[in-house]
Amino acid sequence: MSQTAFNLILTGLGLALIGVLLLQVRGNAGEIFGQAESTFRSRRGVERLLFRATIVLAVIFMAVAIINVRLS
């Protein structure tokens, strides 16, 4: 793959990762300002999907970045 293709892939993955992170923050707005609940609660539904999507996107982003560095 060319360097331009890797840059486009990394840009797309980065924007997707930022979007997923912003969706998580918007859903937990009260926790940002110190109003978090002290009790444990499990992730359900969309919150779980966003959490897993963040992990998957971060791993893919890191893998593509490492491959990009190795091939350049």
N, C-alpha and C. Protein backbone atom coordinates (compact mmCIF):
# COMPACT_ATOMS: atom_id res chain seq x y z
N MET A 1 0.84 -1.19 0.00
CA MET A 1 0.00 0.00 0.00
C MET A 1 0.88 1.24 0.00
N SER A 2 0.36 2.28 -0.55
CA SER A 2 1.12 3.52 -0.59
C SER A 2 0.96 4.29 0.71
N GLN A 3 1.86 5.24 0.91
CA GLN A 3 1.82 6.06 2.12
C GLN A 3 0.52 6.85 2.22
N THR A 4 0.01 7.30 1.08
CA THR A 4 -1.24 8.06 1.07
C THR A 4 -2.41 7.21 1.54
N ALA A 5 -2.44 5.96 1.14
CA ALA A 5 -3.51 5.06 1.57
C ALA A 5 -3.47 4.86 3.08
N PHE A 6 -2.28 4.65 3.62
CA PHE A 6 -2.16 4.48 5.08
C PHE A 6 -2.60 5.75 5.80
N ASN A 7 -2.22 6.91 5.25
CA ASN A 7 -2.63 8.16 5.89
C ASN A 7 -4.15 8.33 5.88
N LEU A 8 -4.78 7.97 4.79
CA LEU A 8 -6.25 8.06 4.72
C LEU A 8 -6.91 7.09 5.69
N ILE A 9 -6.38 5.89 5.76
CA ILE A 9 -6.94 4.89 6.70
C ILE A 9 -6.78 5.38 8.14
N LEU A 10 -5.59 5.88 8.48
CA LEU A 10 -5.36 6.38 9.84
C LEU A 10 -6.25 7.58 10.16
N THR A 11 -6.45 8.45 9.19
CA THR A 11 -7.32 9.60 9.40
C THR A 11 -8.76 9.16 9.65
N GLY A 12 -9.24 8.23 8.84
CA GLY A 12 -10.60 7.72 9.03
C GLY A 12 -10.77 7.02 10.36
N LEU A 13 -9.80 6.18 10.73
CA LEU A 13 -9.87 5.50 12.03
C LEU A 13 -9.80 6.51 13.18
N GLY A 14 -8.96 7.51 13.04
CA GLY A 14 -8.84 8.53 14.09
C GLY A 14 -10.13 9.30 14.28
N LEU A 15 -10.77 9.68 13.17
CA LEU A 15 -12.04 10.40 13.27
C LEU A 15 -13.13 9.51 13.87
N ALA A 16 -13.15 8.23 13.48
CA ALA A 16 -14.14 7.31 14.05
C ALA A 16 -13.92 7.13 15.54
N LEU A 17 -12.65 7.03 15.95
CA LEU A 17 -12.33 6.87 17.36
C LEU A 17 -12.73 8.11 18.15
N ILE A 18 -12.47 9.28 17.62
CA ILE A 18 -12.88 10.52 18.28
C ILE A 18 -14.40 10.58 18.40
N GLY A 19 -15.10 10.20 17.34
CA GLY A 19 -16.57 10.21 17.38
C GLY A 19 -17.13 9.29 18.44
N VAL A 20 -16.58 8.08 18.53
CA VAL A 20 -17.06 7.12 19.54
C VAL A 20 -16.76 7.64 20.94
N LEU A 21 -15.58 8.23 21.14
CA LEU A 21 -15.25 8.77 22.45
C LEU A 21 -16.16 9.93 22.83
N LEU A 22 -16.46 10.79 21.87
CA LEU A 22 -17.36 11.90 22.16
C LEU A 22 -18.77 11.42 22.49
N LEU A 23 -19.22 10.37 21.83
CA LEU A 23 -20.53 9.81 22.16
C LEU A 23 -20.55 9.24 23.58
N GLN A 24 -19.45 8.64 24.00
CA GLN A 24 -19.38 8.13 25.37
C GLN A 24 -19.41 9.26 26.37
N VAL A 25 -18.67 10.33 26.12
CA VAL A 25 -18.62 11.46 27.05
C VAL A 25 -19.98 12.13 27.14
N ARG A 26 -20.66 12.28 25.99
CA ARG A 26 -21.97 12.92 26.01
C ARG A 26 -22.96 12.09 26.83
N GLY A 27 -22.86 10.78 26.77
CA GLY A 27 -23.76 9.92 27.53
C GLY A 27 -23.48 9.94 29.02
N ASN A 28 -22.27 10.29 29.41
CA ASN A 28 -21.89 10.31 30.83
C ASN A 28 -21.51 11.72 31.26
N ALA A 29 -22.26 12.71 30.85
CA ALA A 29 -21.90 14.11 31.10
C ALA A 29 -21.80 14.42 32.59
N GLY A 30 -22.61 13.82 33.41
CA GLY A 30 -22.56 14.09 34.84
C GLY A 30 -21.27 13.62 35.48
N GLU A 31 -20.67 12.59 34.93
CA GLU A 31 -19.44 12.06 35.50
C GLU A 31 -18.24 12.94 35.21
N ILE A 32 -18.33 13.77 34.19
CA ILE A 32 -17.20 14.64 33.85
C ILE A 32 -16.97 15.66 34.95
N PHE A 33 -18.02 16.15 35.55
CA PHE A 33 -17.93 17.23 36.51
C PHE A 33 -17.94 16.75 37.95
N GLY A 34 -17.60 15.50 38.18
CA GLY A 34 -17.47 15.00 39.53
C GLY A 34 -18.75 14.54 40.19
N GLN A 35 -19.80 14.35 39.43
CA GLN A 35 -21.06 13.91 40.00
C GLN A 35 -21.29 12.42 39.74
N ALA A 36 -20.21 11.68 39.63
CA ALA A 36 -20.32 10.26 39.32
C ALA A 36 -20.92 9.51 40.51
N GLU A 37 -21.65 8.48 40.18
CA GLU A 37 -22.20 7.63 41.23
C GLU A 37 -21.08 6.81 41.83
N SER A 38 -21.14 6.59 43.11
CA SER A 38 -20.09 5.82 43.77
C SER A 38 -20.38 4.32 43.72
N THR A 39 -21.54 3.93 43.25
CA THR A 39 -21.87 2.52 43.18
C THR A 39 -21.47 1.95 41.83
N PHE A 40 -21.21 0.66 41.81
CA PHE A 40 -20.84 -0.01 40.57
C PHE A 40 -22.08 -0.27 39.74
N ARG A 41 -21.96 -0.04 38.43
CA ARG A 41 -23.04 -0.40 37.54
C ARG A 41 -22.43 -0.96 36.26
N SER A 42 -23.09 -1.92 35.70
CA SER A 42 -22.56 -2.55 34.50
C SER A 42 -23.02 -1.81 33.26
N ARG A 43 -22.23 -1.95 32.20
CA ARG A 43 -22.59 -1.32 30.93
C ARG A 43 -23.64 -2.16 30.24
N ARG A 44 -24.62 -1.51 29.66
CA ARG A 44 -25.68 -2.23 28.96
C ARG A 44 -26.00 -1.52 27.66
N GLY A 45 -26.45 -2.29 26.70
CA GLY A 45 -26.97 -1.73 25.45
C GLY A 45 -25.95 -0.93 24.67
N VAL A 46 -26.33 0.30 24.36
CA VAL A 46 -25.50 1.18 23.53
C VAL A 46 -24.20 1.52 24.24
N GLU A 47 -24.25 1.68 25.55
CA GLU A 47 -23.03 2.00 26.30
C GLU A 47 -22.00 0.89 26.15
N ARG A 48 -22.42 -0.35 26.20
CA ARG A 48 -21.52 -1.49 26.02
C ARG A 48 -20.98 -1.52 24.59
N LEU A 49 -21.84 -1.25 23.63
CA LEU A 49 -21.43 -1.23 22.22
C LEU A 49 -20.37 -0.15 21.99
N LEU A 50 -20.58 1.04 22.53
CA LEU A 50 -19.60 2.10 22.37
C LEU A 50 -18.28 1.77 23.06
N PHE A 51 -18.34 1.14 24.21
CA PHE A 51 -17.14 0.74 24.95
C PHE A 51 -16.32 -0.26 24.13
N ARG A 52 -16.99 -1.26 23.60
CA ARG A 52 -16.29 -2.27 22.80
C ARG A 52 -15.80 -1.70 21.47
N ALA A 53 -16.58 -0.81 20.87
CA ALA A 53 -16.16 -0.18 19.62
C ALA A 53 -14.91 0.66 19.84
N THR A 54 -14.81 1.32 20.98
CA THR A 54 -13.63 2.11 21.30
C THR A 54 -12.39 1.23 21.37
N ILE A 55 -12.52 0.09 22.03
CA ILE A 55 -11.39 -0.83 22.16
C ILE A 55 -10.98 -1.36 20.79
N VAL A 56 -11.94 -1.79 20.00
CA VAL A 56 -11.65 -2.35 18.68
C VAL A 56 -11.00 -1.31 17.79
N LEU A 57 -11.56 -0.10 17.75
CA LEU A 57 -10.99 0.96 16.92
C LEU A 57 -9.58 1.34 17.36
N ALA A 58 -9.34 1.38 18.67
CA ALA A 58 -8.02 1.72 19.17
C ALA A 58 -6.99 0.66 18.78
N VAL A 59 -7.37 -0.61 18.88
CA VAL A 59 -6.45 -1.70 18.51
C VAL A 59 -6.15 -1.66 17.01
N ILE A 60 -7.18 -1.46 16.20
CA ILE A 60 -6.98 -1.39 14.75
C ILE A 60 -6.12 -0.18 14.41
N PHE A 61 -6.38 0.96 15.04
CA PHE A 61 -5.60 2.17 14.79
C PHE A 61 -4.12 1.93 15.11
N MET A 62 -3.86 1.32 16.26
CA MET A 62 -2.46 1.05 16.64
C MET A 62 -1.80 0.08 15.67
N ALA A 63 -2.53 -0.94 15.25
CA ALA A 63 -1.96 -1.93 14.32
C ALA A 63 -1.61 -1.28 12.98
N VAL A 64 -2.52 -0.47 12.46
CA VAL A 64 -2.25 0.20 11.18
C VAL A 64 -1.11 1.17 11.32
N ALA A 65 -1.02 1.89 12.44
CA ALA A 65 0.08 2.83 12.65
C ALA A 65 1.41 2.09 12.71
N ILE A 66 1.47 0.96 13.39
CA ILE A 66 2.71 0.18 13.47
C ILE A 66 3.09 -0.36 12.10
N ILE A 67 2.12 -0.87 11.36
CA ILE A 67 2.41 -1.37 10.02
C ILE A 67 2.90 -0.23 9.13
N ASN A 68 2.29 0.94 9.27
CA ASN A 68 2.70 2.10 8.49
C ASN A 68 4.16 2.45 8.77
N VAL A 69 4.57 2.44 10.04
CA VAL A 69 5.94 2.77 10.40
C VAL A 69 6.90 1.70 9.88
N ARG A 70 6.51 0.44 9.99
CA ARG A 70 7.39 -0.65 9.55
C ARG A 70 7.62 -0.63 8.04
N LEU A 71 6.61 -0.25 7.27
CA LEU A 71 6.73 -0.28 5.83
C LEU A 71 7.32 1.00 5.24
N SER A 72 7.39 2.05 6.03
CA SER A 72 7.90 3.30 5.46
C SER A 72 9.40 3.41 5.62
